[in-house]
PDB file of N, CA and C in Angstrom:
ATOM      1  N   MET A   1      98.555  -7.149   5.295  1.00  0.00           N
ATOM      2  CA  MET A   1      97.369  -7.637   5.948  1.00  0.00           C
ATOM      3  C   MET A   1      97.667  -7.673   7.445  1.00  0.00           C
ATOM      4  N   TYR A   2      96.621  -7.428   8.248  1.00  0.00           N
ATOM      5  CA  TYR A   2      96.775  -7.390   9.694  1.00  0.00           C
ATOM      6  C   TYR A   2      95.784  -8.352  10.348  1.00  0.00           C
ATOM      7  N   GLY A   3      96.169  -8.900  11.481  1.00  0.00           N
ATOM      8  CA  GLY A   3      95.297  -9.767  12.264  1.00  0.00           C
ATOM      9  C   GLY A   3      95.586  -9.560  13.734  1.00  0.00           C
ATOM     10  N   ALA A   4      94.639  -9.945  14.588  1.00  0.00           N
ATOM     11  CA  ALA A   4      94.802  -9.788  16.032  1.00  0.00           C
ATOM     12  C   ALA A   4      94.949 -11.152  16.695  1.00  0.00           C
ATOM     13  N   ASN A   5      95.942 -11.274  17.564  1.00  0.00           N
ATOM     14  CA  ASN A   5      96.070 -12.421  18.469  1.00  0.00           C
ATOM     15  C   ASN A   5      95.535 -11.948  19.803  1.00  0.00           C
ATOM     16  N   ARG A   6      94.564 -12.668  20.343  1.00  0.00           N
ATOM     17  CA  ARG A   6      93.990 -12.216  21.605  1.00  0.00           C
ATOM     18  C   ARG A   6      93.852 -13.369  22.583  1.00  0.00           C
ATOM     19  N   ALA A   7      94.610 -13.268  23.646  1.00  0.00           N
ATOM     20  CA  ALA A   7      94.557 -14.259  24.717  1.00  0.00           C
ATOM     21  C   ALA A   7      93.698 -13.695  25.838  1.00  0.00           C
ATOM     22  N   GLU A   8      92.955 -14.577  26.506  1.00  0.00           N
ATOM     23  CA  GLU A   8      92.111 -14.098  27.596  1.00  0.00           C
ATOM     24  C   GLU A   8      91.907 -15.120  28.704  1.00  0.00           C
ATOM     25  N   GLU A   9      92.489 -16.312  28.562  1.00  0.00           N
ATOM     26  CA  GLU A   9      92.259 -17.367  29.549  1.00  0.00           C
ATOM     27  C   GLU A   9      92.776 -16.934  30.923  1.00  0.00           C
ATOM     28  N   THR A  10      92.047 -17.342  31.974  1.00  0.00           N
ATOM     29  CA  THR A  10      92.427 -16.968  33.331  1.00  0.00           C
ATOM     30  C   THR A  10      92.724 -18.201  34.183  1.00  0.00           C
ATOM     31  N   THR A  11      93.363 -17.933  35.305  1.00  0.00           N
ATOM     32  CA  THR A  11      93.641 -18.950  36.304  1.00  0.00           C
ATOM     33  C   THR A  11      93.435 -18.306  37.671  1.00  0.00           C
ATOM     34  N   GLU A  12      93.271 -19.097  38.703  1.00  0.00           N
ATOM     35  CA  GLU A  12      93.041 -18.531  40.030  1.00  0.00           C
ATOM     36  C   GLU A  12      94.358 -18.214  40.721  1.00  0.00           C
ATOM     37  N   PHE A  13      94.407 -17.041  41.362  1.00  0.00           N
ATOM     38  CA  PHE A  13      95.561 -16.607  42.138  1.00  0.00           C
ATOM     39  C   PHE A  13      95.035 -15.741  43.271  1.00  0.00           C
ATOM     40  N   GLN A  14      95.334 -16.092  44.496  1.00  0.00           N
ATOM     41  CA  GLN A  14      94.889 -15.365  45.687  1.00  0.00           C
ATOM     42  C   GLN A  14      93.375 -15.146  45.679  1.00  0.00           C
ATOM     43  N   GLY A  15      92.636 -16.163  45.230  1.00  0.00           N
ATOM     44  CA  GLY A  15      91.181 -16.093  45.241  1.00  0.00           C
ATOM     45  C   GLY A  15      90.564 -15.288  44.122  1.00  0.00           C
ATOM     46  N   LYS A  16      91.377 -14.812  43.174  1.00  0.00           N
ATOM     47  CA  LYS A  16      90.874 -14.025  42.043  1.00  0.00           C
ATOM     48  C   LYS A  16      91.204 -14.731  40.745  1.00  0.00           C
ATOM     49  N   GLN A  17      90.398 -14.483  39.736  1.00  0.00           N
ATOM     50  CA  GLN A  17      90.716 -14.955  38.397  1.00  0.00           C
ATOM     51  C   GLN A  17      91.648 -13.942  37.745  1.00  0.00           C
ATOM     52  N   VAL A  18      92.848 -14.383  37.361  1.00  0.00           N
ATOM     53  CA  VAL A  18      93.836 -13.499  36.745  1.00  0.00           C
ATOM     54  C   VAL A  18      94.232 -14.054  35.383  1.00  0.00           C
ATOM     55  N   PHE A  19      94.715 -13.174  34.543  1.00  0.00           N
ATOM     56  CA  PHE A  19      95.146 -13.533  33.196  1.00  0.00           C
ATOM     57  C   PHE A  19      96.222 -14.609  33.263  1.00  0.00           C
ATOM     58  N   LYS A  20      96.016 -15.683  32.516  1.00  0.00           N
ATOM     59  CA  LYS A  20      96.940 -16.824  32.535  1.00  0.00           C
ATOM     60  C   LYS A  20      98.186 -16.573  31.691  1.00  0.00           C
ATOM     61  N   GLY A  21      98.088 -15.696  30.719  1.00  0.00           N
ATOM     62  CA  GLY A  21      99.204 -15.406  29.833  1.00  0.00           C
ATOM     63  C   GLY A  21      98.853 -15.761  28.403  1.00  0.00           C
ATOM     64  N   GLY A  22      99.646 -15.286  27.493  1.00  0.00           N
ATOM     65  CA  GLY A  22      99.423 -15.534  26.078  1.00  0.00           C
ATOM     66  C   GLY A  22      99.690 -14.278  25.271  1.00  0.00           C
ATOM     67  N   GLU A  23      99.605 -14.419  23.981  1.00  0.00           N
ATOM     68  CA  GLU A  23      99.952 -13.322  23.080  1.00  0.00           C
ATOM     69  C   GLU A  23      98.756 -12.418  22.816  1.00  0.00           C
ATOM     70  N   ASN A  24      98.946 -11.142  23.060  1.00  0.00           N
ATOM     71  CA  ASN A  24      97.983 -10.098  22.729  1.00  0.00           C
ATOM     72  C   ASN A  24      98.704  -9.124  21.818  1.00  0.00           C
ATOM     73  N   SER A  25      98.567  -9.357  20.534  1.00  0.00           N
ATOM     74  CA  SER A  25      99.364  -8.603  19.576  1.00  0.00           C
ATOM     75  C   SER A  25      98.593  -8.389  18.277  1.00  0.00           C
ATOM     76  N   ILE A  26      99.156  -7.515  17.473  1.00  0.00           N
ATOM     77  CA  ILE A  26      98.721  -7.373  16.087  1.00  0.00           C
ATOM     78  C   ILE A  26      99.814  -8.018  15.242  1.00  0.00           C
ATOM     79  N   VAL A  27      99.396  -8.859  14.312  1.00  0.00           N
ATOM     80  CA  VAL A  27     100.336  -9.531  13.421  1.00  0.00           C
ATOM     81  C   VAL A  27     100.265  -8.842  12.057  1.00  0.00           C
ATOM     82  N   VAL A  28     101.432  -8.553  11.519  1.00  0.00           N
ATOM     83  CA  VAL A  28     101.527  -7.956  10.190  1.00  0.00           C
ATOM     84  C   VAL A  28     101.989  -9.046   9.235  1.00  0.00           C
ATOM     85  N   TYR A  29     101.289  -9.180   8.125  1.00  0.00           N
ATOM     86  CA  TYR A  29     101.627 -10.177   7.105  1.00  0.00           C
ATOM     87  C   TYR A  29     102.014  -9.482   5.811  1.00  0.00           C
ATOM     88  N   SER A  30     102.991 -10.044   5.123  1.00  0.00           N
ATOM     89  CA  SER A  30     103.231  -9.653   3.736  1.00  0.00           C
ATOM     90  C   SER A  30     102.517 -10.689   2.868  1.00  0.00           C
ATOM     91  N   ILE A  31     102.108 -10.288   1.703  1.00  0.00           N
ATOM     92  CA  ILE A  31     101.392 -11.179   0.790  1.00  0.00           C
ATOM     93  C   ILE A  31     102.256 -11.419  -0.442  1.00  0.00           C
ATOM     94  N   ASP A  32     102.547 -12.679  -0.729  1.00  0.00           N
ATOM     95  CA  ASP A  32     103.301 -13.044  -1.929  1.00  0.00           C
ATOM     96  C   ASP A  32     102.438 -12.677  -3.139  1.00  0.00           C
ATOM     97  N   GLN A  33     102.942 -11.797  -3.981  1.00  0.00           N
ATOM     98  CA  GLN A  33     102.160 -11.285  -5.108  1.00  0.00           C
ATOM     99  C   GLN A  33     101.842 -12.348  -6.156  1.00  0.00           C
ATOM    100  N   SER A  34     102.633 -13.415  -6.230  1.00  0.00           N
ATOM    101  CA  SER A  34     102.366 -14.446  -7.245  1.00  0.00           C
ATOM    102  C   SER A  34     101.455 -15.557  -6.735  1.00  0.00           C
ATOM    103  N   THR A  35     101.520 -15.854  -5.411  1.00  0.00           N
ATOM    104  CA  THR A  35     100.720 -16.964  -4.889  1.00  0.00           C
ATOM    105  C   THR A  35      99.576 -16.519  -3.980  1.00  0.00           C
ATOM    106  N   GLY A  36      99.655 -15.280  -3.483  1.00  0.00           N
ATOM    107  CA  GLY A  36      98.657 -14.804  -2.538  1.00  0.00           C
ATOM    108  C   GLY A  36      98.882 -15.320  -1.120  1.00  0.00           C
ATOM    109  N   GLU A  37      99.971 -16.066  -0.911  1.00  0.00           N
ATOM    110  CA  GLU A  37     100.274 -16.660   0.388  1.00  0.00           C
ATOM    111  C   GLU A  37     100.735 -15.596   1.385  1.00  0.00           C
ATOM    112  N   PRO A  38     100.096 -15.536   2.581  1.00  0.00           N
ATOM    113  CA  PRO A  38     100.545 -14.584   3.600  1.00  0.00           C
ATOM    114  C   PRO A  38     101.739 -15.129   4.382  1.00  0.00           C
ATOM    115  N   THR A  39     102.649 -14.245   4.752  1.00  0.00           N
ATOM    116  CA  THR A  39     103.800 -14.581   5.581  1.00  0.00           C
ATOM    117  C   THR A  39     103.882 -13.569   6.716  1.00  0.00           C
ATOM    118  N   PRO A  40     103.871 -14.016   7.978  1.00  0.00           N
ATOM    119  CA  PRO A  40     103.977 -13.046   9.073  1.00  0.00           C
ATOM    120  C   PRO A  40     105.355 -12.390   9.078  1.00  0.00           C
ATOM    121  N   ILE A  41     105.356 -11.053   9.197  1.00  0.00           N
ATOM    122  CA  ILE A  41     106.620 -10.308   9.231  1.00  0.00           C
ATOM    123  C   ILE A  41     106.805  -9.547  10.541  1.00  0.00           C
ATOM    124  N   GLN A  42     105.737  -9.475  11.369  1.00  0.00           N
ATOM    125  CA  GLN A  42     105.856  -8.767  12.648  1.00  0.00           C
ATOM    126  C   GLN A  42     104.728  -9.204  13.574  1.00  0.00           C
ATOM    127  N   HIS A  43     105.052  -9.372  14.853  1.00  0.00           N
ATOM    128  CA  HIS A  43     104.078  -9.523  15.939  1.00  0.00           C
ATOM    129  C   HIS A  43     104.392  -8.384  16.895  1.00  0.00           C
ATOM    130  N   ILE A  44     103.467  -7.442  17.063  1.00  0.00           N
ATOM    131  CA  ILE A  44     103.729  -6.316  17.957  1.00  0.00           C
ATOM    132  C   ILE A  44     102.713  -6.324  19.085  1.00  0.00           C
ATOM    133  N   GLU A  45     103.217  -6.330  20.326  1.00  0.00           N
ATOM    134  CA  GLU A  45     102.359  -6.334  21.509  1.00  0.00           C
ATOM    135  C   GLU A  45     101.559  -5.037  21.567  1.00  0.00           C
ATOM    136  N   THR A  46     100.310  -5.170  22.007  1.00  0.00           N
ATOM    137  CA  THR A  46      99.437  -4.005  22.122  1.00  0.00           C
ATOM    138  C   THR A  46      99.503  -3.372  23.507  1.00  0.00           C
ATOM    139  N   ARG A  47     100.200  -4.034  24.427  1.00  0.00           N
ATOM    140  CA  ARG A  47     100.401  -3.568  25.807  1.00  0.00           C
ATOM    141  C   ARG A  47      99.095  -3.513  26.598  1.00  0.00           C
ATOM    142  N   ALA A  48      98.178  -4.392  26.229  1.00  0.00           N
ATOM    143  CA  ALA A  48      96.927  -4.576  26.967  1.00  0.00           C
ATOM    144  C   ALA A  48      96.444  -5.993  26.675  1.00  0.00           C
ATOM    145  N   ILE A  49      95.294  -6.359  27.243  1.00  0.00           N
ATOM    146  CA  ILE A  49      94.797  -7.728  27.127  1.00  0.00           C
ATOM    147  C   ILE A  49      93.627  -7.774  26.148  1.00  0.00           C
ATOM    148  N   HIS A  50      93.619  -8.792  25.293  1.00  0.00           N
ATOM    149  CA  HIS A  50      92.512  -9.112  24.392  1.00  0.00           C
ATOM    150  C   HIS A  50      92.179  -7.973  23.414  1.00  0.00           C
ATOM    151  N   PRO A  51      93.028  -7.753  22.394  1.00  0.00           N
ATOM    152  CA  PRO A  51      92.680  -6.757  21.373  1.00  0.00           C
ATOM    153  C   PRO A  51      91.477  -7.245  20.556  1.00  0.00           C
ATOM    154  N   ARG A  52      90.293  -6.826  20.942  1.00  0.00           N
ATOM    155  CA  ARG A  52      89.034  -7.335  20.397  1.00  0.00           C
ATOM    156  C   ARG A  52      88.829  -6.935  18.940  1.00  0.00           C
ATOM    157  N   THR A  53      89.016  -5.667  18.647  1.00  0.00           N
ATOM    158  CA  THR A  53      88.875  -5.172  17.274  1.00  0.00           C
ATOM    159  C   THR A  53      89.996  -4.180  17.011  1.00  0.00           C
ATOM    160  N   PHE A  54      90.212  -3.859  15.748  1.00  0.00           N
ATOM    161  CA  PHE A  54      91.149  -2.785  15.401  1.00  0.00           C
ATOM    162  C   PHE A  54      90.667  -2.124  14.121  1.00  0.00           C
ATOM    163  N   HIS A  55      91.157  -0.928  13.898  1.00  0.00           N
ATOM    164  CA  HIS A  55      90.751  -0.165  12.716  1.00  0.00           C
ATOM    165  C   HIS A  55      91.946   0.649  12.247  1.00  0.00           C
ATOM    166  N   ILE A  56      92.037   0.856  10.948  1.00  0.00           N
ATOM    167  CA  ILE A  56      93.073   1.709  10.358  1.00  0.00           C
ATOM    168  C   ILE A  56      92.403   3.001   9.920  1.00  0.00           C
ATOM    169  N   ASP A  57      93.013   4.140  10.272  1.00  0.00           N
ATOM    170  CA  ASP A  57      92.403   5.423   9.945  1.00  0.00           C
ATOM    171  C   ASP A  57      92.391   5.624   8.424  1.00  0.00           C
ATOM    172  N   PRO A  58      91.557   6.541   7.922  1.00  0.00           N
ATOM    173  CA  PRO A  58      91.418   6.725   6.474  1.00  0.00           C
ATOM    174  C   PRO A  58      92.722   7.049   5.740  1.00  0.00           C
ATOM    175  N   SER A  59      93.702   7.657   6.432  1.00  0.00           N
ATOM    176  CA  SER A  59      94.979   7.974   5.767  1.00  0.00           C
ATOM    177  C   SER A  59      95.864   6.743   5.625  1.00  0.00           C
ATOM    178  N   GLY A  60      95.546   5.659   6.364  1.00  0.00           N
ATOM    179  CA  GLY A  60      96.365   4.448   6.334  1.00  0.00           C
ATOM    180  C   GLY A  60      97.637   4.545   7.146  1.00  0.00           C
ATOM    181  N   ARG A  61      97.752   5.566   7.993  1.00  0.00           N
ATOM    182  CA  ARG A  61      98.990   5.789   8.744  1.00  0.00           C
ATOM    183  C   ARG A  61      98.892   5.429  10.220  1.00  0.00           C
ATOM    184  N   MET A  62      97.670   5.105  10.693  1.00  0.00           N
ATOM    185  CA  MET A  62      97.492   4.821  12.113  1.00  0.00           C
ATOM    186  C   MET A  62      96.527   3.648  12.273  1.00  0.00           C
ATOM    187  N   LEU A  63      96.889   2.715  13.161  1.00  0.00           N
ATOM    188  CA  LEU A  63      96.027   1.600  13.513  1.00  0.00           C
ATOM    189  C   LEU A  63      95.715   1.721  14.994  1.00  0.00           C
ATOM    190  N   VAL A  64      94.439   1.562  15.352  1.00  0.00           N
ATOM    191  CA  VAL A  64      94.028   1.608  16.749  1.00  0.00           C
ATOM    192  C   VAL A  64      93.390   0.270  17.095  1.00  0.00           C
ATOM    193  N   ALA A  65      93.922  -0.379  18.142  1.00  0.00           N
ATOM    194  CA  ALA A  65      93.382  -1.654  18.629  1.00  0.00           C
ATOM    195  C   ALA A  65      92.580  -1.379  19.901  1.00  0.00           C
ATOM    196  N   GLN A  66      91.420  -2.007  19.992  1.00  0.00           N
ATOM    197  CA  GLN A  66      90.512  -1.814  21.124  1.00  0.00           C
ATOM    198  C   GLN A  66      90.564  -3.030  22.037  1.00  0.00           C
ATOM    199  N   HIS A  67      90.677  -2.768  23.345  1.00  0.00           N
ATOM    200  CA  HIS A  67      90.699  -3.817  24.369  1.00  0.00           C
ATOM    201  C   HIS A  67      89.439  -3.645  25.205  1.00  0.00           C
ATOM    202  N   ASN A  68      88.539  -4.642  25.180  1.00  0.00           N
ATOM    203  CA  ASN A  68      87.165  -4.430  25.621  1.00  0.00           C
ATOM    204  C   ASN A  68      86.903  -4.488  27.121  1.00  0.00           C
ATOM    205  N   LEU A  69      87.756  -5.124  27.901  1.00  0.00           N
ATOM    206  CA  LEU A  69      87.480  -5.297  29.333  1.00  0.00           C
ATOM    207  C   LEU A  69      88.730  -5.045  30.172  1.00  0.00           C
ATOM    208  N   PRO A  70      88.545  -4.569  31.415  1.00  0.00           N
ATOM    209  CA  PRO A  70      89.687  -4.581  32.332  1.00  0.00           C
ATOM    210  C   PRO A  70      89.966  -6.026  32.735  1.00  0.00           C
ATOM    211  N   VAL A  71      91.241  -6.355  32.923  1.00  0.00           N
ATOM    212  CA  VAL A  71      91.628  -7.729  33.247  1.00  0.00           C
ATOM    213  C   VAL A  71      92.616  -7.707  34.410  1.00  0.00           C
ATOM    214  N   ASP A  72      92.362  -8.545  35.418  1.00  0.00           N
ATOM    215  CA  ASP A  72      93.305  -8.686  36.523  1.00  0.00           C
ATOM    216  C   ASP A  72      94.478  -9.545  36.080  1.00  0.00           C
ATOM    217  N   VAL A  73      95.689  -9.125  36.458  1.00  0.00           N
ATOM    218  CA  VAL A  73      96.906  -9.866  36.129  1.00  0.00           C
ATOM    219  C   VAL A  73      97.739 -10.038  37.391  1.00  0.00           C
ATOM    220  N   ARG A  74      98.507 -11.103  37.399  1.00  0.00           N
ATOM    221  CA  ARG A  74      99.441 -11.330  38.502  1.00  0.00           C
ATOM    222  C   ARG A  74     100.651 -10.443  38.276  1.00  0.00           C
ATOM    223  N   ASP A  75     101.069  -9.760  39.343  1.00  0.00           N
ATOM    224  CA  ASP A  75     102.234  -8.878  39.296  1.00  0.00           C
ATOM    225  C   ASP A  75     103.099  -9.233  40.489  1.00  0.00           C
ATOM    226  N   GLY A  76     103.952 -10.264  40.311  1.00  0.00           N
ATOM    227  CA  GLY A  76     104.725 -10.796  41.429  1.00  0.00           C
ATOM    228  C   GLY A  76     103.799 -11.492  42.396  1.00  0.00           C
ATOM    229  N   ASP A  77     103.769 -11.020  43.649  1.00  0.00           N
ATOM    230  CA  ASP A  77     102.883 -11.589  44.667  1.00  0.00           C
ATOM    231  C   ASP A  77     101.581 -10.804  44.794  1.00  0.00           C
ATOM    232  N   ALA A  78     101.364  -9.834  43.919  1.00  0.00           N
ATOM    233  CA  ALA A  78     100.162  -8.995  43.988  1.00  0.00           C
ATOM    234  C   ALA A  78      99.312  -9.201  42.736  1.00  0.00           C
ATOM    235  N   VAL A  79      98.125  -8.602  42.767  1.00  0.00           N
ATOM    236  CA  VAL A  79      97.235  -8.596  41.612  1.00  0.00           C
ATOM    237  C   VAL A  79      96.975  -7.139  41.242  1.00  0.00           C
ATOM    238  N   ARG A  80      97.110  -6.814  39.965  1.00  0.00           N
ATOM    239  CA  ARG A  80      96.786  -5.465  39.496  1.00  0.00           C
ATOM    240  C   ARG A  80      95.841  -5.595  38.303  1.00  0.00           C
ATOM    241  N   THR A  81      95.157  -4.530  37.980  1.00  0.00           N
ATOM    242  CA  THR A  81      94.199  -4.536  36.889  1.00  0.00           C
ATOM    243  C   THR A  81      94.765  -3.784  35.686  1.00  0.00           C
ATOM    244  N   VAL A  82      94.714  -4.422  34.521  1.00  0.00           N
ATOM    245  CA  VAL A  82      95.051  -3.762  33.261  1.00  0.00           C
ATOM    246  C   VAL A  82      93.728  -3.242  32.705  1.00  0.00           C
ATOM    247  N   PRO A  83      93.572  -1.915  32.581  1.00  0.00           N
ATOM    248  CA  PRO A  83      92.290  -1.361  32.144  1.00  0.00           C
ATOM    249  C   PRO A  83      91.979  -1.666  30.676  1.00  0.00           C
ATOM    250  N   ALA A  84      90.686  -1.587  30.356  1.00  0.00           N
ATOM    251  CA  ALA A  84      90.272  -1.596  28.946  1.00  0.00           C
ATOM    252  C   ALA A  84      90.890  -0.359  28.293  1.00  0.00           C
ATOM    253  N   GLY A  85      90.959  -0.337  26.975  1.00  0.00           N
ATOM    254  CA  GLY A  85      91.524   0.852  26.358  1.00  0.00           C
ATOM    255  C   GLY A  85      91.724   0.739  24.869  1.00  0.00           C
ATOM    256  N   LEU A  86      92.429   1.728  24.361  1.00  0.00           N
ATOM    257  CA  LEU A  86      92.768   1.812  22.951  1.00  0.00           C
ATOM    258  C   LEU A  86      94.280   1.921  22.819  1.00  0.00           C
ATOM    259  N   SER A  87      94.877   1.035  22.021  1.00  0.00           N
ATOM    260  CA  SER A  87      96.313   1.091  21.746  1.00  0.00           C
ATOM    261  C   SER A  87      96.506   1.689  20.361  1.00  0.00           C
ATOM    262  N   VAL A  88      97.328   2.725  20.290  1.00  0.00           N
ATOM    263  CA  VAL A  88      97.578   3.428  19.033  1.00  0.00           C
ATOM    264  C   VAL A  88      98.936   2.996  18.494  1.00  0.00           C
ATOM    265  N   LEU A  89      98.947   2.599  17.215  1.00  0.00           N
ATOM    266  CA  LEU A  89     100.178   2.176  16.545  1.00  0.00           C
ATOM    267  C   LEU A  89     100.319   2.923  15.222  1.00  0.00           C
ATOM    268  N   ARG A  90     101.532   3.319  14.904  1.00  0.00           N
ATOM    269  CA  ARG A  90     101.823   4.002  13.648  1.00  0.00           C
ATOM    270  C   ARG A  90     102.107   2.960  12.573  1.00  0.00           C
ATOM    271  N   VAL A  91     101.547   3.155  11.385  1.00  0.00           N
ATOM    272  CA  VAL A  91     101.785   2.259  10.251  1.00  0.00           C
ATOM    273  C   VAL A  91     102.924   2.843   9.426  1.00  0.00           C
ATOM    274  N   GLY A  92     104.010   2.072   9.271  1.00  0.00           N
ATOM    275  CA  GLY A  92     105.160   2.520   8.496  1.00  0.00           C
ATOM    276  C   GLY A  92     104.944   2.326   7.004  1.00  0.00           C
ATOM    277  N   ASP A  93     105.841   2.880   6.214  1.00  0.00           N
ATOM    278  CA  ASP A  93     105.770   2.735   4.758  1.00  0.00           C
ATOM    279  C   ASP A  93     105.816   1.273   4.329  1.00  0.00           C
ATOM    280  N   ASP A  94     106.461   0.423   5.138  1.00  0.00           N
ATOM    281  CA  ASP A  94     106.557  -1.008   4.838  1.00  0.00           C
ATOM    282  C   ASP A  94     105.391  -1.811   5.432  1.00  0.00           C
ATOM    283  N   GLY A  95     104.428  -1.103   6.070  1.00  0.00           N
ATOM    284  CA  GLY A  95     103.284  -1.770   6.676  1.00  0.00           C
ATOM    285  C   GLY A  95     103.515  -2.212   8.107  1.00  0.00           C
ATOM    286  N   LYS A  96     104.769  -2.200   8.555  1.00  0.00           N
ATOM    287  CA  LYS A  96     105.057  -2.591   9.930  1.00  0.00           C
ATOM    288  C   LYS A  96     104.568  -1.517  10.896  1.00  0.00           C
ATOM    289  N   LEU A  97     104.331  -1.946  12.135  1.00  0.00           N
ATOM    290  CA  LEU A  97     103.735  -1.075  13.136  1.00  0.00           C
ATOM    291  C   LEU A  97     104.732  -0.672  14.207  1.00  0.00           C
ATOM    292  N   THR A  98     104.535   0.531  14.745  1.00  0.00           N
ATOM    293  CA  THR A  98     105.304   1.033  15.873  1.00  0.00           C
ATOM    294  C   THR A  98     104.315   1.466  16.941  1.00  0.00           C
ATOM    295  N   PHE A  99     104.496   0.975  18.172  1.00  0.00           N
ATOM    296  CA  PHE A  99     103.613   1.363  19.272  1.00  0.00           C
ATOM    297  C   PHE A  99     103.799   2.842  19.581  1.00  0.00           C
ATOM    298  N   VAL A 100     102.677   3.573  19.745  1.00  0.00           N
ATOM    299  CA  VAL A 100     102.718   4.991  20.093  1.00  0.00           C
ATOM    300  C   VAL A 100     102.308   5.181  21.546  1.00  0.00           C
ATOM    301  N   ARG A 101     101.111   4.715  21.915  1.00  0.00           N
ATOM    302  CA  ARG A 101     100.658   4.816  23.306  1.00  0.00           C
ATOM    303  C   ARG A 101      99.351   4.071  23.493  1.00  0.00           C
ATOM    304  N   LYS A 102      99.004   3.833  24.766  1.00  0.00           N
ATOM    305  CA  LYS A 102      97.725   3.218  25.112  1.00  0.00           C
ATOM    306  C   LYS A 102      96.917   4.223  25.912  1.00  0.00           C
ATOM    307  N   TYR A 103      95.654   4.341  25.551  1.00  0.00           N
ATOM    308  CA  TYR A 103      94.711   5.176  26.291  1.00  0.00           C
ATOM    309  C   TYR A 103      93.841   4.258  27.129  1.00  0.00           C
ATOM    310  N   ASP A 104      93.911   4.384  28.454  1.00  0.00           N
ATOM    311  CA  ASP A 104      93.050   3.603  29.332  1.00  0.00           C
ATOM    312  C   ASP A 104      91.640   4.175  29.283  1.00  0.00           C
ATOM    313  N   ILE A 105      90.646   3.287  29.300  1.00  0.00           N
ATOM    314  CA  ILE A 105      89.250   3.704  29.279  1.00  0.00           C
ATOM    315  C   ILE A 105      88.517   2.986  30.398  1.00  0.00           C
ATOM    316  N   ASP A 106      87.855   3.765  31.246  1.00  0.00           N
ATOM    317  CA  ASP A 106      87.069   3.202  32.336  1.00  0.00           C
ATOM    318  C   ASP A 106      85.716   2.780  31.768  1.00  0.00           C
ATOM    319  N   VAL A 107      85.510   1.471  31.647  1.00  0.00           N
ATOM    320  CA  VAL A 107      84.247   0.963  31.115  1.00  0.00           C
ATOM    321  C   VAL A 107      83.291   0.547  32.226  1.00  0.00           C
ATOM    322  N   GLY A 108      83.710   0.715  33.487  1.00  0.00           N
ATOM    323  CA  GLY A 108      82.855   0.324  34.604  1.00  0.00           C
ATOM    324  C   GLY A 108      82.522  -1.151  34.518  1.00  0.00           C
ATOM    325  N   ASP A 109      81.241  -1.485  34.632  1.00  0.00           N
ATOM    326  CA  ASP A 109      80.826  -2.886  34.541  1.00  0.00           C
ATOM    327  C   ASP A 109      80.305  -3.230  33.145  1.00  0.00           C
ATOM    328  N   LYS A 110      80.635  -2.397  32.169  1.00  0.00           N
ATOM    329  CA  LYS A 110      80.206  -2.601  30.782  1.00  0.00           C
ATOM    330  C   LYS A 110      81.347  -3.191  29.954  1.00  0.00           C
ATOM    331  N   THR A 111      81.013  -3.596  28.733  1.00  0.00           N
ATOM    332  CA  THR A 111      82.011  -4.095  27.784  1.00  0.00           C
ATOM    333  C   THR A 111      82.078  -3.145  26.603  1.00  0.00           C
ATOM    334  N   MET A 112      83.289  -2.698  26.257  1.00  0.00           N
ATOM    335  CA  MET A 112      83.478  -1.904  25.044  1.00  0.00           C
ATOM    336  C   MET A 112      83.632  -2.915  23.913  1.00  0.00           C
ATOM    337  N   PHE A 113      82.536  -3.239  23.257  1.00  0.00           N
ATOM    338  CA  PHE A 113      82.519  -4.357  22.334  1.00  0.00           C
ATOM    339  C   PHE A 113      83.148  -4.057  20.975  1.00  0.00           C
ATOM    340  N   TRP A 114      83.040  -2.855  20.486  1.00  0.00           N
ATOM    341  CA  TRP A 114      83.469  -2.549  19.126  1.00  0.00           C
ATOM    342  C   TRP A 114      83.990  -1.135  19.063  1.00  0.00           C
ATOM    343  N   MET A 115      84.884  -0.876  18.133  1.00  0.00           N
ATOM    344  CA  MET A 115      85.347   0.498  17.891  1.00  0.00           C
ATOM    345  C   MET A 115      85.596   0.663  16.407  1.00  0.00           C
ATOM    346  N   GLY A 116      85.580   1.887  15.966  1.00  0.00           N
ATOM    347  CA  GLY A 116      85.891   2.223  14.580  1.00  0.00           C
ATOM    348  C   GLY A 116      86.334   3.672  14.521  1.00  0.00           C
ATOM    349  N   MET A 117      86.752   4.114  13.352  1.00  0.00           N
ATOM    350  CA  MET A 117      87.158   5.505  13.175  1.00  0.00           C
ATOM    351  C   MET A 117      86.421   6.072  11.980  1.00  0.00           C
ATOM    352  N   VAL A 118      86.124   7.355  12.067  1.00  0.00           N
ATOM    353  CA  VAL A 118      85.492   8.051  10.957  1.00  0.00           C
ATOM    354  C   VAL A 118      86.278   9.316  10.669  1.00  0.00           C
ATOM    355  N   GLN A 119      86.273   9.739   9.439  1.00  0.00           N
ATOM    356  CA  GLN A 119      86.946  10.969   9.056  1.00  0.00           C
ATOM    357  C   GLN A 119      86.019  12.126   9.355  1.00  0.00           C
ATOM    358  N   LEU A 120      86.542  13.138  10.036  1.00  0.00           N
ATOM    359  CA  LEU A 120      85.736  14.323  10.368  1.00  0.00           C
ATOM    360  C   LEU A 120      85.957  15.432   9.373  1.00  0.00           C
TER     361      LEU A 120
END
């Protein structure tokens, strides 16, 4: 089973609202077959802010997490922007994930609210 941890709280820095920090990850759970109880077995960073939605491709071998907005972050004494985008992760035979890459997406002043995958 998979779930998303998404942090988005901001704080002021140099007159701008910047990401305050927190976990932006996909959590992988194993399920106890006798009790149904989930146990987290992995937290993998998506390398972007606020993984809003995610989808697993029809083969079950790839998970893509969507990050809906660009977010300003503090980078030492400067501010930089982490773009909205899609983070691609490989699903292993054990269900654990491996980061492959992030695709930045210019959403302008819009919000990329949802994403999904379809088989072509």
